[in-house]
Amino acid sequence: MNEEYVKNLFNECSVGRLIGIEISEVKEGYAKGSLFLNHEHLNAFGNAHGGIIFALADQVGGACGNTVGKKSVLIESSIQYFRPVFEGSRIYAEAFLIHKGKKIGRIDIKVFNEKSEDIAMMHMVFYITDEGHRGKTS
């Protein structure tokens, strides 16, 4: 698995760039990323929009899923939110590969703040295709 390739693949994603997500670490079965929250990330109540938190977890989880050496895509996910987070905060997501079968895998993604307080937890099920990445991953 080419860690730099997967990291760059997800850092160059147009949606991730638009939101401001940065993938900082990728290794087999693991990924970490972060997002600095600014005014554009807030909901009507002044805290981070759930969709923004979801997008961070999804992007980091996607990077983790693609460390298996094949193109992997999301099948299903669920997220639980624990506490609000506000403008000016940096939030982090860490994704861990929990299960890898021949075609289906499971990833858990923890979202937390600068004080290591849990913000959210996402559970992700992904499909491992037969298709290799366009760049070298193994």
C-alpha atoms as a PDB file:
ATOM      1  CA  MET A   1       0.000   0.000   0.000  1.00  0.00           C
ATOM      2  CA  ASN A   2       1.389   3.364  -1.012  1.00  0.00           C
ATOM      3  CA  GLU A   3       0.508   5.622   1.934  1.00  0.00           C
ATOM      4  CA  GLU A   4       1.427   8.854   0.143  1.00  0.00           C
ATOM      5  CA  TYR A   5      -0.741   7.936  -2.853  1.00  0.00           C
ATOM      6  CA  VAL A   6      -3.861   7.385  -0.700  1.00  0.00           C
ATOM      7  CA  LYS A   7      -3.153  10.492   1.376  1.00  0.00           C
ATOM      8  CA  ASN A   8      -2.763  12.621  -1.771  1.00  0.00           C
ATOM      9  CA  LEU A   9      -5.810  11.034  -3.415  1.00  0.00           C
ATOM     10  CA  PHE A  10      -8.030  12.169  -0.549  1.00  0.00           C
ATOM     11  CA  ASN A  11      -6.308  15.524  -0.010  1.00  0.00           C
ATOM     12  CA  GLU A  12      -6.872  16.318  -3.687  1.00  0.00           C
ATOM     13  CA  CYS A  13     -10.594  15.449  -3.530  1.00  0.00           C
ATOM     14  CA  SER A  14     -12.526  18.553  -4.604  1.00  0.00           C
ATOM     15  CA  VAL A  15     -15.217  18.138  -1.923  1.00  0.00           C
ATOM     16  CA  GLY A  16     -12.656  17.705   0.841  1.00  0.00           C
ATOM     17  CA  ARG A  17     -10.744  20.761  -0.395  1.00  0.00           C
ATOM     18  CA  LEU A  18     -13.940  22.811  -0.602  1.00  0.00           C
ATOM     19  CA  ILE A  19     -14.773  22.046   3.023  1.00  0.00           C
ATOM     20  CA  GLY A  20     -11.155  22.341   4.201  1.00  0.00           C
ATOM     21  CA  ILE A  21     -10.476  18.750   5.274  1.00  0.00           C
ATOM     22  CA  GLU A  22      -6.834  17.725   5.555  1.00  0.00           C
ATOM     23  CA  ILE A  23      -5.740  14.097   5.728  1.00  0.00           C
ATOM     24  CA  SER A  24      -2.588  14.103   7.849  1.00  0.00           C
ATOM     25  CA  GLU A  25      -1.767  10.430   8.294  1.00  0.00           C
ATOM     26  CA  VAL A  26      -2.477   7.215   6.414  1.00  0.00           C
ATOM     27  CA  LYS A  27      -1.179   3.728   7.082  1.00  0.00           C
ATOM     28  CA  GLU A  28      -2.661   0.313   6.475  1.00  0.00           C
ATOM     29  CA  GLY A  29      -5.979   0.115   8.327  1.00  0.00           C
ATOM     30  CA  TYR A  30      -5.764   3.665   9.706  1.00  0.00           C
ATOM     31  CA  ALA A  31      -6.246   7.302   8.703  1.00  0.00           C
ATOM     32  CA  LYS A  32      -6.349  10.624  10.536  1.00  0.00           C
ATOM     33  CA  GLY A  33      -7.492  14.031   9.390  1.00  0.00           C
ATOM     34  CA  SER A  34      -8.728  17.361  10.652  1.00  0.00           C
ATOM     35  CA  LEU A  35     -10.776  20.422   9.859  1.00  0.00           C
ATOM     36  CA  PHE A  36     -10.573  23.964  11.225  1.00  0.00           C
ATOM     37  CA  LEU A  37     -14.120  25.221  11.757  1.00  0.00           C
ATOM     38  CA  ASN A  38     -14.934  28.653  10.389  1.00  0.00           C
ATOM     39  CA  HIS A  39     -18.178  30.571  10.017  1.00  0.00           C
ATOM     40  CA  GLU A  40     -19.164  28.738   6.811  1.00  0.00           C
ATOM     41  CA  HIS A  41     -19.240  25.422   8.701  1.00  0.00           C
ATOM     42  CA  LEU A  42     -21.871  26.535  11.226  1.00  0.00           C
ATOM     43  CA  ASN A  43     -25.565  25.706  11.386  1.00  0.00           C
ATOM     44  CA  ALA A  44     -28.409  28.086  12.283  1.00  0.00           C
ATOM     45  CA  PHE A  45     -27.631  27.670  16.004  1.00  0.00           C
ATOM     46  CA  GLY A  46     -23.968  28.691  15.757  1.00  0.00           C
ATOM     47  CA  ASN A  47     -22.292  25.312  16.134  1.00  0.00           C
ATOM     48  CA  ALA A  48     -20.786  22.991  13.525  1.00  0.00           C
ATOM     49  CA  HIS A  49     -23.353  21.633  11.095  1.00  0.00           C
ATOM     50  CA  GLY A  50     -23.821  17.861  11.424  1.00  0.00           C
ATOM     51  CA  GLY A  51     -23.210  17.443   7.710  1.00  0.00           C
ATOM     52  CA  ILE A  52     -19.783  19.038   8.060  1.00  0.00           C
ATOM     53  CA  ILE A  53     -18.854  16.659  10.886  1.00  0.00           C
ATOM     54  CA  PHE A  54     -20.229  13.776   8.812  1.00  0.00           C
ATOM     55  CA  ALA A  55     -18.175  14.888   5.795  1.00  0.00           C
ATOM     56  CA  LEU A  56     -14.965  14.931   7.855  1.00  0.00           C
ATOM     57  CA  ALA A  57     -15.638  11.438   9.229  1.00  0.00           C
ATOM     58  CA  ASP A  58     -16.598  10.145   5.770  1.00  0.00           C
ATOM     59  CA  GLN A  59     -13.464  11.557   4.121  1.00  0.00           C
ATOM     60  CA  VAL A  60     -11.127  10.131   6.766  1.00  0.00           C
ATOM     61  CA  GLY A  61     -12.998   6.815   6.726  1.00  0.00           C
ATOM     62  CA  GLY A  62     -12.707   6.705   2.944  1.00  0.00           C
ATOM     63  CA  ALA A  63      -8.956   7.194   3.153  1.00  0.00           C
ATOM     64  CA  CYS A  64      -8.760   4.363   5.687  1.00  0.00           C
ATOM     65  CA  GLY A  65     -10.851   2.032   3.511  1.00  0.00           C
ATOM     66  CA  ASN A  66      -8.628   2.640   0.528  1.00  0.00           C
ATOM     67  CA  THR A  67      -5.550   1.417   2.396  1.00  0.00           C
ATOM     68  CA  VAL A  68      -6.601  -2.153   1.552  1.00  0.00           C
ATOM     69  CA  GLY A  69      -4.936  -1.772  -1.869  1.00  0.00           C
ATOM     70  CA  LYS A  70      -8.090  -1.724  -3.988  1.00  0.00           C
ATOM     71  CA  LYS A  71     -10.621   0.974  -4.793  1.00  0.00           C
ATOM     72  CA  SER A  72     -13.132   0.863  -1.925  1.00  0.00           C
ATOM     73  CA  VAL A  73     -16.457   2.670  -1.727  1.00  0.00           C
ATOM     74  CA  LEU A  74     -19.032   3.338   0.956  1.00  0.00           C
ATOM     75  CA  ILE A  75     -22.082   1.083   1.235  1.00  0.00           C
ATOM     76  CA  GLU A  76     -23.658   2.328   4.442  1.00  0.00           C
ATOM     77  CA  SER A  77     -22.827   4.547   7.392  1.00  0.00           C
ATOM     78  CA  SER A  78     -24.353   5.854  10.578  1.00  0.00           C
ATOM     79  CA  ILE A  79     -23.183   8.580  12.903  1.00  0.00           C
ATOM     80  CA  GLN A  80     -23.944   9.524  16.472  1.00  0.00           C
ATOM     81  CA  TYR A  81     -23.303  13.082  17.702  1.00  0.00           C
ATOM     82  CA  PHE A  82     -22.295  13.630  21.324  1.00  0.00           C
ATOM     83  CA  ARG A  83     -21.544  17.332  21.817  1.00  0.00           C
ATOM     84  CA  PRO A  84     -21.522  20.579  19.844  1.00  0.00           C
ATOM     85  CA  VAL A  85     -18.355  22.193  18.563  1.00  0.00           C
ATOM     86  CA  PHE A  86     -17.936  25.839  17.617  1.00  0.00           C
ATOM     87  CA  GLU A  87     -16.215  28.226  15.223  1.00  0.00           C
ATOM     88  CA  GLY A  88     -12.486  28.571  15.783  1.00  0.00           C
ATOM     89  CA  SER A  89     -12.055  24.943  16.863  1.00  0.00           C
ATOM     90  CA  ARG A  90     -10.045  22.303  15.096  1.00  0.00           C
ATOM     91  CA  ILE A  91     -11.736  18.922  15.011  1.00  0.00           C
ATOM     92  CA  TYR A  92     -10.030  15.628  14.257  1.00  0.00           C
ATOM     93  CA  ALA A  93     -11.141  12.256  12.948  1.00  0.00           C
ATOM     94  CA  GLU A  94      -9.373   8.940  13.332  1.00  0.00           C
ATOM     95  CA  ALA A  95     -10.495   5.917  11.341  1.00  0.00           C
ATOM     96  CA  PHE A  96      -9.716   2.331  12.239  1.00  0.00           C
ATOM     97  CA  LEU A  97     -10.271  -0.719  10.041  1.00  0.00           C
ATOM     98  CA  ILE A  98     -12.260  -3.109  12.252  1.00  0.00           C
ATOM     99  CA  HIS A  99     -12.938  -5.883   9.721  1.00  0.00           C
ATOM    100  CA  LYS A 100     -11.756  -6.708   6.213  1.00  0.00           C
ATOM    101  CA  GLY A 101     -13.425  -9.518   4.329  1.00  0.00           C
ATOM    102  CA  LYS A 102     -13.006 -10.464   0.691  1.00  0.00           C
ATOM    103  CA  LYS A 103     -15.499  -7.809  -0.456  1.00  0.00           C
ATOM    104  CA  ILE A 104     -16.901  -6.061   2.627  1.00  0.00           C
ATOM    105  CA  GLY A 105     -15.147  -4.141   5.375  1.00  0.00           C
ATOM    106  CA  ARG A 106     -16.033  -2.194   8.514  1.00  0.00           C
ATOM    107  CA  ILE A 107     -14.443   1.026   9.757  1.00  0.00           C
ATOM    108  CA  ASP A 108     -15.081   2.987  12.945  1.00  0.00           C
ATOM    109  CA  ILE A 109     -14.334   6.708  12.891  1.00  0.00           C
ATOM    110  CA  LYS A 110     -13.965   8.771  16.055  1.00  0.00           C
ATOM    111  CA  VAL A 111     -14.393  12.561  15.782  1.00  0.00           C
ATOM    112  CA  PHE A 112     -12.976  14.609  18.648  1.00  0.00           C
ATOM    113  CA  ASN A 113     -11.921  18.134  19.566  1.00  0.00           C
ATOM    114  CA  GLU A 114      -8.613  19.674  20.665  1.00  0.00           C
ATOM    115  CA  LYS A 115      -9.265  18.536  24.258  1.00  0.00           C
ATOM    116  CA  SER A 116      -9.764  14.920  23.065  1.00  0.00           C
ATOM    117  CA  GLU A 117     -13.484  15.138  23.925  1.00  0.00           C
ATOM    118  CA  ASP A 118     -15.653  12.950  21.725  1.00  0.00           C
ATOM    119  CA  ILE A 119     -17.756  14.889  19.219  1.00  0.00           C
ATOM    120  CA  ALA A 120     -19.170  12.005  17.181  1.00  0.00           C
ATOM    121  CA  MET A 121     -18.701   8.359  16.210  1.00  0.00           C
ATOM    122  CA  MET A 122     -19.324   7.021  12.716  1.00  0.00           C
ATOM    123  CA  HIS A 123     -19.643   3.374  11.733  1.00  0.00           C
ATOM    124  CA  MET A 124     -18.962   2.656   8.082  1.00  0.00           C
ATOM    125  CA  VAL A 125     -19.456  -0.429   5.918  1.00  0.00           C
ATOM    126  CA  PHE A 126     -17.562  -0.384   2.639  1.00  0.00           C
ATOM    127  CA  TYR A 127     -17.234  -2.483  -0.507  1.00  0.00           C
ATOM    128  CA  ILE A 128     -13.822  -3.562  -1.790  1.00  0.00           C
ATOM    129  CA  THR A 129     -13.891  -3.566  -5.589  1.00  0.00           C
ATOM    130  CA  ASP A 130     -11.729  -5.659  -7.896  1.00  0.00           C
ATOM    131  CA  GLU A 131     -10.411  -2.410  -9.361  1.00  0.00           C
ATOM    132  CA  GLY A 132      -6.942  -1.257  -8.409  1.00  0.00           C
ATOM    133  CA  HIS A 133      -6.169   2.406  -7.920  1.00  0.00           C
ATOM    134  CA  ARG A 134      -4.982   4.445 -10.863  1.00  0.00           C
ATOM    135  CA  GLY A 135      -1.698   4.970  -9.026  1.00  0.00           C
ATOM    136  CA  LYS A 136       0.457   2.402  -7.307  1.00  0.00           C
ATOM    137  CA  THR A 137      -0.958   1.310  -3.910  1.00  0.00           C
ATOM    138  CA  SER A 138       0.968  -1.870  -3.194  1.00  0.00           C
END
